[in-house]
């Protein structure tokens, strides 16, 4: 059976799919950051008394670091290693216990 689409049509459709995928990926990433930042902020402010100015600084840093992770500028494994070595925080154990 012969394909009815031309090469240029296939390339155009592929490009449109890739664009749509990238847009949805960006939306999902932003929603995930918003979710975790919201939980993180309420824990720090409500449960630990972090003030208005400090929480804004923390959230700015949190979002920036998350974007660096998403852009592969840094690796999650490196952050986990730093937390374990410098603060004795094993994230894998903390989230599974």
C-alpha atoms as a PDB file:
ATOM      1  CA  UNK A   1       0.000   0.000   0.000  1.00  0.00           C
ATOM      2  CA  UNK A   2       1.348   3.397  -0.991  1.00  0.00           C
ATOM      3  CA  UNK A   3       1.605   6.262   1.522  1.00  0.00           C
ATOM      4  CA  UNK A   4      -0.563   9.199   0.483  1.00  0.00           C
ATOM      5  CA  UNK A   5       1.421  11.835   2.413  1.00  0.00           C
ATOM      6  CA  UNK A   6       4.398  13.573   0.857  1.00  0.00           C
ATOM      7  CA  UNK A   7       7.733  13.913   2.625  1.00  0.00           C
ATOM      8  CA  UNK A   8       7.104  17.603   3.256  1.00  0.00           C
ATOM      9  CA  UNK A   9       3.682  16.838   4.760  1.00  0.00           C
ATOM     10  CA  UNK A  10       5.221  14.199   7.011  1.00  0.00           C
ATOM     11  CA  UNK A  11       7.952  16.630   8.103  1.00  0.00           C
ATOM     12  CA  UNK A  12       5.350  19.316   8.806  1.00  0.00           C
ATOM     13  CA  UNK A  13       3.225  16.942  10.887  1.00  0.00           C
ATOM     14  CA  UNK A  14       6.302  15.719  12.762  1.00  0.00           C
ATOM     15  CA  UNK A  15       7.297  19.316  13.508  1.00  0.00           C
ATOM     16  CA  UNK A  16       3.790  20.131  14.746  1.00  0.00           C
ATOM     17  CA  UNK A  17       3.788  17.070  17.006  1.00  0.00           C
ATOM     18  CA  UNK A  18       7.215  17.975  18.413  1.00  0.00           C
ATOM     19  CA  UNK A  19       6.058  21.551  19.065  1.00  0.00           C
ATOM     20  CA  UNK A  20       2.898  20.329  20.801  1.00  0.00           C
ATOM     21  CA  UNK A  21       4.916  17.854  22.872  1.00  0.00           C
ATOM     22  CA  UNK A  22       7.347  20.591  23.960  1.00  0.00           C
ATOM     23  CA  UNK A  23       4.480  22.910  24.928  1.00  0.00           C
ATOM     24  CA  UNK A  24       2.781  20.195  26.988  1.00  0.00           C
ATOM     25  CA  UNK A  25       6.091  19.264  28.592  1.00  0.00           C
ATOM     26  CA  UNK A  26       6.625  22.905  29.607  1.00  0.00           C
ATOM     27  CA  UNK A  27       3.098  23.126  31.044  1.00  0.00           C
ATOM     28  CA  UNK A  28       3.568  19.905  33.016  1.00  0.00           C
ATOM     29  CA  UNK A  29       6.957  21.062  34.351  1.00  0.00           C
ATOM     30  CA  UNK A  30       5.510  24.401  35.474  1.00  0.00           C
ATOM     31  CA  UNK A  31       2.560  22.681  37.153  1.00  0.00           C
ATOM     32  CA  UNK A  32       4.907  20.293  38.966  1.00  0.00           C
ATOM     33  CA  UNK A  33       7.083  23.186  40.157  1.00  0.00           C
ATOM     34  CA  UNK A  34       3.986  25.082  41.296  1.00  0.00           C
ATOM     35  CA  UNK A  35       2.723  22.040  43.208  1.00  0.00           C
ATOM     36  CA  UNK A  36       5.977  21.372  45.065  1.00  0.00           C
ATOM     37  CA  UNK A  37       6.705  25.065  45.668  1.00  0.00           C
ATOM     38  CA  UNK A  38       3.252  25.498  47.206  1.00  0.00           C
ATOM     39  CA  UNK A  39       3.688  22.547  49.570  1.00  0.00           C
ATOM     40  CA  UNK A  40       7.248  23.621  50.378  1.00  0.00           C
ATOM     41  CA  UNK A  41       6.146  27.213  51.102  1.00  0.00           C
ATOM     42  CA  UNK A  42       3.279  26.257  53.395  1.00  0.00           C
ATOM     43  CA  UNK A  43       5.472  23.873  55.374  1.00  0.00           C
ATOM     44  CA  UNK A  44       8.175  26.496  55.857  1.00  0.00           C
ATOM     45  CA  UNK A  45       5.808  29.344  56.717  1.00  0.00           C
ATOM     46  CA  UNK A  46       3.048  27.593  58.644  1.00  0.00           C
ATOM     47  CA  UNK A  47       5.023  24.867  60.394  1.00  0.00           C
ATOM     48  CA  UNK A  48       8.443  26.486  60.821  1.00  0.00           C
ATOM     49  CA  UNK A  49       7.654  30.196  61.005  1.00  0.00           C
ATOM     50  CA  UNK A  50       9.677  31.393  58.021  1.00  0.00           C
ATOM     51  CA  UNK A  51       8.810  35.034  57.378  1.00  0.00           C
ATOM     52  CA  UNK A  52       7.552  36.813  54.281  1.00  0.00           C
ATOM     53  CA  UNK A  53      10.868  38.156  52.994  1.00  0.00           C
ATOM     54  CA  UNK A  54      12.767  34.922  53.594  1.00  0.00           C
ATOM     55  CA  UNK A  55      10.122  32.710  51.974  1.00  0.00           C
ATOM     56  CA  UNK A  56      10.220  34.845  48.820  1.00  0.00           C
ATOM     57  CA  UNK A  57      14.002  34.425  48.658  1.00  0.00           C
ATOM     58  CA  UNK A  58      13.706  30.683  49.242  1.00  0.00           C
ATOM     59  CA  UNK A  59      11.023  30.249  46.573  1.00  0.00           C
ATOM     60  CA  UNK A  60      13.030  32.248  44.039  1.00  0.00           C
ATOM     61  CA  UNK A  61      16.015  29.984  44.679  1.00  0.00           C
ATOM     62  CA  UNK A  62      13.807  26.870  44.591  1.00  0.00           C
ATOM     63  CA  UNK A  63      12.329  27.769  41.196  1.00  0.00           C
ATOM     64  CA  UNK A  64      15.743  28.708  39.806  1.00  0.00           C
ATOM     65  CA  UNK A  65      17.295  25.434  40.948  1.00  0.00           C
ATOM     66  CA  UNK A  66      14.362  23.468  39.566  1.00  0.00           C
ATOM     67  CA  UNK A  67      14.768  25.170  36.185  1.00  0.00           C
ATOM     68  CA  UNK A  68      18.481  24.334  36.214  1.00  0.00           C
ATOM     69  CA  UNK A  69      17.602  20.698  36.862  1.00  0.00           C
ATOM     70  CA  UNK A  70      15.027  20.708  34.059  1.00  0.00           C
ATOM     71  CA  UNK A  71      17.591  22.228  31.703  1.00  0.00           C
ATOM     72  CA  UNK A  72      20.188  19.609  32.661  1.00  0.00           C
ATOM     73  CA  UNK A  73      22.535  22.319  33.910  1.00  0.00           C
ATOM     74  CA  UNK A  74      22.943  20.338  37.121  1.00  0.00           C
ATOM     75  CA  UNK A  75      22.113  16.764  38.031  1.00  0.00           C
ATOM     76  CA  UNK A  76      19.730  15.647  40.762  1.00  0.00           C
ATOM     77  CA  UNK A  77      22.267  13.021  41.828  1.00  0.00           C
ATOM     78  CA  UNK A  78      24.776  15.805  42.577  1.00  0.00           C
ATOM     79  CA  UNK A  79      22.299  17.607  44.823  1.00  0.00           C
ATOM     80  CA  UNK A  80      21.401  14.384  46.616  1.00  0.00           C
ATOM     81  CA  UNK A  81      25.087  13.653  47.149  1.00  0.00           C
ATOM     82  CA  UNK A  82      25.664  17.135  48.601  1.00  0.00           C
ATOM     83  CA  UNK A  83      22.700  16.764  50.958  1.00  0.00           C
ATOM     84  CA  UNK A  84      23.960  13.397  52.146  1.00  0.00           C
ATOM     85  CA  UNK A  85      27.593  14.446  52.586  1.00  0.00           C
ATOM     86  CA  UNK A  86      27.052  17.894  54.108  1.00  0.00           C
ATOM     87  CA  UNK A  87      23.766  17.497  56.013  1.00  0.00           C
ATOM     88  CA  UNK A  88      23.357  13.734  56.495  1.00  0.00           C
ATOM     89  CA  UNK A  89      20.077  13.848  54.548  1.00  0.00           C
ATOM     90  CA  UNK A  90      19.383  10.739  52.484  1.00  0.00           C
ATOM     91  CA  UNK A  91      16.481  11.862  50.303  1.00  0.00           C
ATOM     92  CA  UNK A  92      15.724   8.330  49.140  1.00  0.00           C
ATOM     93  CA  UNK A  93      15.243   7.204  52.742  1.00  0.00           C
ATOM     94  CA  UNK A  94      13.382  10.377  53.764  1.00  0.00           C
ATOM     95  CA  UNK A  95      10.701  10.008  51.111  1.00  0.00           C
ATOM     96  CA  UNK A  96      10.215   6.258  51.476  1.00  0.00           C
ATOM     97  CA  UNK A  97       9.979   5.999  55.265  1.00  0.00           C
END
